[in-house]
Amino acid sequence: MYSKILVGFDGSEASYKAVMKAADLAQTMGADLIIVSVVPPPTALLGELMTPEVIDPKPLADAARSAIKRLKEKLEKEKGVTPETEVLLGDPAEAIVELAKEKGADLIVLGRRGLSRLERLFVGSVTRKVLERAETDVLVVID
């Protein structure tokens, strides 16, 4: 049914579960798997009062590359799936939607942390933004 699956990974338990679900689907369907980690710009991390020069995003991107490399090795060993990996800088939701278009993904898989109703009103959600903007199917794995 799906031939190319893109999954977002941010190091959280919810995103790890999403990767595992996406890998199982890719294995079952013989689909290609793309794991993407997106490092937000420094102003998104610290607020608009800070200038982008205050924090160098390179160490964050390097940490993401290291984590995604370990995850790739685990999937190759345990599930027999060899994913393509990407580490991008930018708004996570926008980057995921754009990469899905660019790569021709026909399914996006994301994790969702269990937030209370009050938290959902005030906390921006990458998953929610992707759901609003995606032009393909989106599977949300509940944590």
N, C-alpha and C. Protein backbone atom coordinates (compact mmCIF):
# COMPACT_ATOMS: atom_id res chain seq x y z
N MET A 1 0.82 -1.19 0.00
CA MET A 1 0.00 0.00 0.00
C MET A 1 0.86 1.26 0.00
N TYR A 2 1.89 1.31 0.85
CA TYR A 2 2.80 2.45 0.87
C TYR A 2 4.15 2.00 0.33
N SER A 3 4.80 2.88 -0.42
CA SER A 3 6.10 2.53 -0.99
C SER A 3 7.25 3.34 -0.39
N LYS A 4 6.93 4.49 0.21
CA LYS A 4 7.97 5.32 0.82
C LYS A 4 7.41 5.97 2.08
N ILE A 5 8.02 5.62 3.20
CA ILE A 5 7.54 6.07 4.51
C ILE A 5 8.58 7.00 5.12
N LEU A 6 8.13 8.18 5.54
CA LEU A 6 8.99 9.14 6.21
C LEU A 6 8.56 9.22 7.67
N VAL A 7 9.53 9.13 8.57
CA VAL A 7 9.22 9.19 10.00
C VAL A 7 10.09 10.24 10.67
N GLY A 8 9.47 11.02 11.55
CA GLY A 8 10.19 12.04 12.30
C GLY A 8 10.75 11.49 13.59
N PHE A 9 12.00 11.87 13.89
CA PHE A 9 12.65 11.41 15.11
C PHE A 9 13.30 12.59 15.81
N ASP A 10 12.90 12.84 17.08
CA ASP A 10 13.50 13.94 17.84
C ASP A 10 14.20 13.46 19.11
N GLY A 11 14.38 12.16 19.23
CA GLY A 11 15.04 11.60 20.41
C GLY A 11 14.11 11.25 21.55
N SER A 12 12.86 11.64 21.46
CA SER A 12 11.89 11.34 22.53
C SER A 12 11.41 9.90 22.43
N GLU A 13 10.85 9.42 23.51
CA GLU A 13 10.28 8.06 23.52
C GLU A 13 9.15 7.94 22.50
N ALA A 14 8.35 8.99 22.40
CA ALA A 14 7.24 8.97 21.43
C ALA A 14 7.76 8.84 20.00
N SER A 15 8.83 9.55 19.68
CA SER A 15 9.36 9.47 18.32
C SER A 15 10.06 8.14 18.08
N TYR A 16 10.66 7.58 19.12
CA TYR A 16 11.28 6.25 19.00
C TYR A 16 10.21 5.20 18.67
N LYS A 17 9.08 5.28 19.36
CA LYS A 17 7.97 4.35 19.06
C LYS A 17 7.47 4.54 17.64
N ALA A 18 7.43 5.77 17.17
CA ALA A 18 7.01 6.04 15.79
C ALA A 18 7.98 5.42 14.80
N VAL A 19 9.28 5.52 15.08
CA VAL A 19 10.29 4.92 14.20
C VAL A 19 10.11 3.41 14.15
N MET A 20 9.90 2.80 15.30
CA MET A 20 9.73 1.34 15.34
C MET A 20 8.48 0.91 14.54
N LYS A 21 7.39 1.66 14.69
CA LYS A 21 6.17 1.37 13.93
C LYS A 21 6.43 1.53 12.44
N ALA A 22 7.10 2.62 12.06
CA ALA A 22 7.39 2.89 10.65
C ALA A 22 8.29 1.79 10.07
N ALA A 23 9.26 1.33 10.86
CA ALA A 23 10.16 0.27 10.39
C ALA A 23 9.39 -1.03 10.19
N ASP A 24 8.48 -1.34 11.10
CA ASP A 24 7.65 -2.54 10.94
C ASP A 24 6.81 -2.45 9.67
N LEU A 25 6.22 -1.29 9.43
CA LEU A 25 5.41 -1.09 8.23
C LEU A 25 6.27 -1.21 6.97
N ALA A 26 7.44 -0.59 7.00
CA ALA A 26 8.34 -0.65 5.83
C ALA A 26 8.75 -2.09 5.55
N GLN A 27 9.05 -2.83 6.59
CA GLN A 27 9.45 -4.23 6.43
C GLN A 27 8.30 -5.05 5.86
N THR A 28 7.11 -4.89 6.39
CA THR A 28 5.93 -5.64 5.94
C THR A 28 5.55 -5.31 4.50
N MET A 29 5.65 -4.04 4.14
CA MET A 29 5.20 -3.59 2.82
C MET A 29 6.31 -3.53 1.79
N GLY A 30 7.53 -3.78 2.22
CA GLY A 30 8.65 -3.64 1.30
C GLY A 30 8.87 -2.19 0.88
N ALA A 31 8.54 -1.27 1.77
CA ALA A 31 8.64 0.17 1.48
C ALA A 31 10.01 0.71 1.87
N ASP A 32 10.40 1.79 1.21
CA ASP A 32 11.59 2.53 1.62
C ASP A 32 11.26 3.31 2.88
N LEU A 33 12.26 3.48 3.74
CA LEU A 33 12.07 4.21 4.99
C LEU A 33 13.05 5.37 5.06
N ILE A 34 12.54 6.52 5.41
CA ILE A 34 13.36 7.72 5.60
C ILE A 34 13.13 8.21 7.02
N ILE A 35 14.21 8.35 7.79
CA ILE A 35 14.12 8.89 9.14
C ILE A 35 14.69 10.30 9.09
N VAL A 36 13.91 11.26 9.58
CA VAL A 36 14.35 12.65 9.59
C VAL A 36 14.34 13.22 10.99
N SER A 37 15.41 13.94 11.30
CA SER A 37 15.51 14.67 12.56
C SER A 37 15.70 16.13 12.19
N VAL A 38 14.89 17.00 12.77
CA VAL A 38 14.96 18.42 12.43
C VAL A 38 15.36 19.22 13.66
N VAL A 39 16.45 19.97 13.51
CA VAL A 39 16.94 20.83 14.58
C VAL A 39 16.33 22.21 14.37
N PRO A 40 15.51 22.68 15.33
CA PRO A 40 14.90 24.00 15.16
C PRO A 40 15.94 25.11 15.26
N PRO A 41 15.64 26.27 14.68
CA PRO A 41 16.58 27.38 14.78
C PRO A 41 16.72 27.84 16.23
N PRO A 42 17.87 28.45 16.57
CA PRO A 42 18.09 28.87 17.96
C PRO A 42 16.99 29.76 18.53
N THR A 43 16.41 30.62 17.73
CA THR A 43 15.36 31.50 18.25
C THR A 43 14.14 30.70 18.67
N ALA A 44 13.89 29.58 18.01
CA ALA A 44 12.76 28.73 18.40
C ALA A 44 13.06 28.05 19.73
N LEU A 45 14.34 27.79 19.98
CA LEU A 45 14.72 27.14 21.23
C LEU A 45 14.72 28.11 22.41
N LEU A 46 15.12 29.37 22.15
CA LEU A 46 15.30 30.31 23.24
C LEU A 46 14.31 31.46 23.26
N GLY A 47 13.53 31.62 22.25
CA GLY A 47 12.61 32.73 22.17
C GLY A 47 13.19 33.84 21.31
N GLU A 48 12.36 34.72 20.90
CA GLU A 48 12.74 35.77 19.96
C GLU A 48 13.67 36.82 20.54
N LEU A 49 13.85 36.88 21.86
CA LEU A 49 14.75 37.87 22.44
C LEU A 49 16.21 37.54 22.17
N MET A 50 16.49 36.29 21.87
CA MET A 50 17.86 35.88 21.61
C MET A 50 18.13 35.99 20.10
N THR A 51 19.34 36.31 19.75
CA THR A 51 19.69 36.39 18.34
C THR A 51 20.18 35.03 17.86
N PRO A 52 20.03 34.74 16.59
CA PRO A 52 20.46 33.43 16.08
C PRO A 52 21.94 33.14 16.31
N GLU A 53 22.76 34.16 16.47
CA GLU A 53 24.19 33.95 16.67
C GLU A 53 24.53 33.47 18.08
N VAL A 54 23.61 33.55 19.00
CA VAL A 54 23.88 33.19 20.39
C VAL A 54 24.19 31.71 20.53
N ILE A 55 23.49 30.88 19.83
CA ILE A 55 23.70 29.43 19.91
C ILE A 55 24.06 28.91 18.53
N ASP A 56 25.11 28.14 18.50
CA ASP A 56 25.52 27.48 17.26
C ASP A 56 24.71 26.19 17.13
N PRO A 57 23.91 26.04 16.08
CA PRO A 57 23.10 24.83 15.94
C PRO A 57 23.91 23.59 15.58
N LYS A 58 25.18 23.77 15.21
CA LYS A 58 26.00 22.64 14.77
C LYS A 58 26.09 21.53 15.83
N PRO A 59 26.37 21.85 17.11
CA PRO A 59 26.42 20.75 18.10
C PRO A 59 25.09 20.00 18.22
N LEU A 60 23.98 20.72 18.11
CA LEU A 60 22.67 20.05 18.15
C LEU A 60 22.49 19.15 16.94
N ALA A 61 22.89 19.64 15.78
CA ALA A 61 22.79 18.83 14.55
C ALA A 61 23.71 17.62 14.64
N ASP A 62 24.92 17.81 15.18
CA ASP A 62 25.85 16.68 15.34
C ASP A 62 25.28 15.63 16.28
N ALA A 63 24.66 16.07 17.37
CA ALA A 63 24.03 15.14 18.32
C ALA A 63 22.89 14.39 17.64
N ALA A 64 22.11 15.09 16.83
CA ALA A 64 21.00 14.45 16.10
C ALA A 64 21.55 13.42 15.12
N ARG A 65 22.64 13.76 14.41
CA ARG A 65 23.26 12.82 13.46
C ARG A 65 23.74 11.56 14.17
N SER A 66 24.34 11.75 15.33
CA SER A 66 24.83 10.62 16.10
C SER A 66 23.69 9.71 16.55
N ALA A 67 22.62 10.32 17.07
CA ALA A 67 21.46 9.54 17.53
C ALA A 67 20.80 8.80 16.37
N ILE A 68 20.67 9.47 15.25
CA ILE A 68 19.99 8.86 14.10
C ILE A 68 20.85 7.75 13.49
N LYS A 69 22.18 7.90 13.58
CA LYS A 69 23.09 6.85 13.09
C LYS A 69 22.95 5.58 13.94
N ARG A 70 22.90 5.76 15.26
CA ARG A 70 22.70 4.60 16.15
C ARG A 70 21.36 3.92 15.88
N LEU A 71 20.34 4.73 15.65
CA LEU A 71 19.02 4.19 15.36
C LEU A 71 19.03 3.41 14.05
N LYS A 72 19.69 3.95 13.04
CA LYS A 72 19.80 3.26 11.75
C LYS A 72 20.49 1.90 11.91
N GLU A 73 21.57 1.87 12.66
CA GLU A 73 22.29 0.61 12.89
C GLU A 73 21.40 -0.41 13.61
N LYS A 74 20.63 0.06 14.58
CA LYS A 74 19.71 -0.83 15.31
C LYS A 74 18.66 -1.42 14.37
N LEU A 75 18.09 -0.58 13.51
CA LEU A 75 17.06 -1.07 12.58
C LEU A 75 17.64 -2.06 11.57
N GLU A 76 18.84 -1.79 11.11
CA GLU A 76 19.48 -2.72 10.17
C GLU A 76 19.70 -4.07 10.83
N LYS A 77 20.18 -4.05 12.06
CA LYS A 77 20.49 -5.29 12.78
C LYS A 77 19.23 -6.05 13.22
N GLU A 78 18.27 -5.33 13.80
CA GLU A 78 17.12 -5.99 14.41
C GLU A 78 15.94 -6.20 13.47
N LYS A 79 15.77 -5.33 12.48
CA LYS A 79 14.58 -5.42 11.64
C LYS A 79 14.92 -5.68 10.17
N GLY A 80 16.20 -5.65 9.82
CA GLY A 80 16.58 -5.88 8.44
C GLY A 80 16.15 -4.75 7.51
N VAL A 81 15.96 -3.56 8.07
CA VAL A 81 15.53 -2.39 7.30
C VAL A 81 16.70 -1.41 7.26
N THR A 82 17.05 -0.94 6.08
CA THR A 82 18.12 0.05 5.93
C THR A 82 17.52 1.39 5.54
N PRO A 83 17.30 2.26 6.53
CA PRO A 83 16.65 3.53 6.23
C PRO A 83 17.63 4.56 5.66
N GLU A 84 17.07 5.46 4.88
CA GLU A 84 17.78 6.69 4.51
C GLU A 84 17.61 7.62 5.71
N THR A 85 18.61 8.44 5.99
CA THR A 85 18.49 9.37 7.12
C THR A 85 18.78 10.79 6.67
N GLU A 86 18.12 11.73 7.33
CA GLU A 86 18.30 13.16 7.06
C GLU A 86 18.30 13.90 8.39
N VAL A 87 19.20 14.87 8.51
CA VAL A 87 19.18 15.82 9.63
C VAL A 87 19.10 17.20 9.00
N LEU A 88 18.04 17.92 9.34
CA LEU A 88 17.78 19.23 8.75
C LEU A 88 17.71 20.31 9.82
N LEU A 89 17.92 21.54 9.41
CA LEU A 89 17.75 22.69 10.29
C LEU A 89 16.52 23.44 9.85
N GLY A 90 15.69 23.87 10.79
CA GLY A 90 14.51 24.64 10.43
C GLY A 90 13.33 24.33 11.31
N ASP A 91 12.17 24.80 10.89
CA ASP A 91 10.93 24.50 11.59
C ASP A 91 10.61 23.03 11.37
N PRO A 92 10.49 22.23 12.44
CA PRO A 92 10.30 20.79 12.27
C PRO A 92 9.10 20.41 11.41
N ALA A 93 7.94 21.01 11.65
CA ALA A 93 6.75 20.65 10.88
C ALA A 93 6.93 20.99 9.40
N GLU A 94 7.40 22.19 9.12
CA GLU A 94 7.59 22.60 7.73
C GLU A 94 8.62 21.72 7.04
N ALA A 95 9.72 21.42 7.74
CA ALA A 95 10.77 20.59 7.15
C ALA A 95 10.27 19.19 6.84
N ILE A 96 9.48 18.62 7.75
CA ILE A 96 8.96 17.27 7.53
C ILE A 96 8.02 17.25 6.32
N VAL A 97 7.11 18.20 6.25
CA VAL A 97 6.16 18.26 5.13
C VAL A 97 6.91 18.46 3.80
N GLU A 98 7.88 19.37 3.79
CA GLU A 98 8.63 19.64 2.56
C GLU A 98 9.47 18.43 2.14
N LEU A 99 10.12 17.77 3.11
CA LEU A 99 10.92 16.60 2.78
C LEU A 99 10.04 15.47 2.25
N ALA A 100 8.87 15.31 2.83
CA ALA A 100 7.94 14.28 2.33
C ALA A 100 7.59 14.53 0.87
N LYS A 101 7.33 15.79 0.52
CA LYS A 101 7.04 16.14 -0.88
C LYS A 101 8.25 15.86 -1.76
N GLU A 102 9.41 16.34 -1.32
CA GLU A 102 10.64 16.21 -2.10
C GLU A 102 11.00 14.75 -2.37
N LYS A 103 10.83 13.90 -1.37
CA LYS A 103 11.20 12.49 -1.48
C LYS A 103 10.08 11.62 -2.04
N GLY A 104 8.89 12.19 -2.21
CA GLY A 104 7.77 11.41 -2.73
C GLY A 104 7.22 10.42 -1.72
N ALA A 105 7.30 10.76 -0.44
CA ALA A 105 6.77 9.87 0.60
C ALA A 105 5.26 9.82 0.50
N ASP A 106 4.71 8.61 0.65
CA ASP A 106 3.26 8.48 0.62
C ASP A 106 2.68 8.21 2.01
N LEU A 107 3.54 8.22 3.03
CA LEU A 107 3.09 8.13 4.42
C LEU A 107 4.10 8.84 5.31
N ILE A 108 3.60 9.66 6.22
CA ILE A 108 4.41 10.30 7.25
C ILE A 108 3.99 9.67 8.58
N VAL A 109 4.98 9.24 9.37
CA VAL A 109 4.69 8.65 10.68
C VAL A 109 5.33 9.54 11.74
N LEU A 110 4.53 9.90 12.74
CA LEU A 110 5.00 10.76 13.83
C LEU A 110 4.50 10.24 15.16
N GLY A 111 5.24 10.55 16.19
CA GLY A 111 4.80 10.22 17.54
C GLY A 111 4.02 11.37 18.14
N ARG A 112 3.28 11.05 19.18
CA ARG A 112 2.55 12.09 19.92
C ARG A 112 2.72 11.82 21.40
N ARG A 113 3.16 12.83 22.07
CA ARG A 113 3.25 12.70 23.53
C ARG A 113 1.86 12.86 24.10
N GLY A 114 1.61 12.22 25.22
CA GLY A 114 0.30 12.36 25.85
C GLY A 114 0.18 13.68 26.58
N LEU A 115 -0.45 14.64 25.96
CA LEU A 115 -0.64 15.95 26.58
C LEU A 115 -2.07 16.10 27.09
N SER A 116 -2.19 16.80 28.20
CA SER A 116 -3.53 17.07 28.71
C SER A 116 -4.23 18.07 27.78
N ARG A 117 -5.54 18.21 27.93
CA ARG A 117 -6.28 19.17 27.10
C ARG A 117 -5.75 20.59 27.27
N LEU A 118 -5.42 20.96 28.49
CA LEU A 118 -4.91 22.30 28.76
C LEU A 118 -3.56 22.50 28.06
N GLU A 119 -2.68 21.51 28.16
CA GLU A 119 -1.37 21.62 27.50
C GLU A 119 -1.52 21.76 25.99
N ARG A 120 -2.47 21.05 25.40
CA ARG A 120 -2.67 21.12 23.95
C ARG A 120 -3.07 22.52 23.50
N LEU A 121 -3.75 23.28 24.38
CA LEU A 121 -4.14 24.64 24.02
C LEU A 121 -2.95 25.58 23.92
N PHE A 122 -1.92 25.33 24.75
CA PHE A 122 -0.81 26.27 24.84
C PHE A 122 0.49 25.78 24.20
N VAL A 123 0.62 24.51 24.00
CA VAL A 123 1.87 23.95 23.48
C VAL A 123 1.74 23.73 21.98
N GLY A 124 2.68 24.28 21.20
CA GLY A 124 2.69 24.03 19.76
C GLY A 124 3.06 22.58 19.53
N SER A 125 2.41 21.95 18.61
CA SER A 125 2.65 20.54 18.34
C SER A 125 3.12 20.35 16.91
N VAL A 126 4.30 19.76 16.75
CA VAL A 126 4.79 19.45 15.41
C VAL A 126 3.81 18.51 14.72
N THR A 127 3.35 17.52 15.45
CA THR A 127 2.42 16.56 14.87
C THR A 127 1.15 17.25 14.36
N ARG A 128 0.60 18.14 15.17
CA ARG A 128 -0.61 18.85 14.75
C ARG A 128 -0.36 19.68 13.51
N LYS A 129 0.77 20.37 13.47
CA LYS A 129 1.09 21.19 12.31
C LYS A 129 1.29 20.35 11.05
N VAL A 130 1.93 19.20 11.20
CA VAL A 130 2.10 18.31 10.05
C VAL A 130 0.75 17.82 9.57
N LEU A 131 -0.13 17.44 10.50
CA LEU A 131 -1.47 16.99 10.12
C LEU A 131 -2.21 18.06 9.32
N GLU A 132 -2.03 19.31 9.69
CA GLU A 132 -2.70 20.41 9.00
C GLU A 132 -2.13 20.68 7.61
N ARG A 133 -0.83 20.43 7.42
CA ARG A 133 -0.15 20.84 6.19
C ARG A 133 0.19 19.71 5.23
N ALA A 134 0.18 18.49 5.71
CA ALA A 134 0.63 17.36 4.88
C ALA A 134 -0.31 17.14 3.70
N GLU A 135 0.28 16.69 2.61
CA GLU A 135 -0.48 16.37 1.40
C GLU A 135 -0.50 14.87 1.16
N THR A 136 -0.20 14.11 2.20
CA THR A 136 -0.21 12.66 2.12
C THR A 136 -0.75 12.10 3.44
N ASP A 137 -0.89 10.80 3.51
CA ASP A 137 -1.38 10.18 4.73
C ASP A 137 -0.39 10.41 5.89
N VAL A 138 -0.94 10.56 7.09
CA VAL A 138 -0.13 10.73 8.29
C VAL A 138 -0.63 9.73 9.32
N LEU A 139 0.30 8.97 9.88
CA LEU A 139 0.00 8.04 10.95
C LEU A 139 0.59 8.60 12.23
N VAL A 140 -0.24 8.77 13.24
CA VAL A 140 0.22 9.28 14.53
C VAL A 140 0.25 8.11 15.50
N VAL A 141 1.42 7.84 16.03
CA VAL A 141 1.61 6.76 17.00
C VAL A 141 1.46 7.36 18.38
N ILE A 142 0.51 6.86 19.14
CA ILE A 142 0.20 7.40 20.46
C ILE A 142 1.16 6.83 21.48
N ASP A 143 1.71 7.72 22.29
CA ASP A 143 2.64 7.32 23.35
C ASP A 143 1.86 6.98 24.60
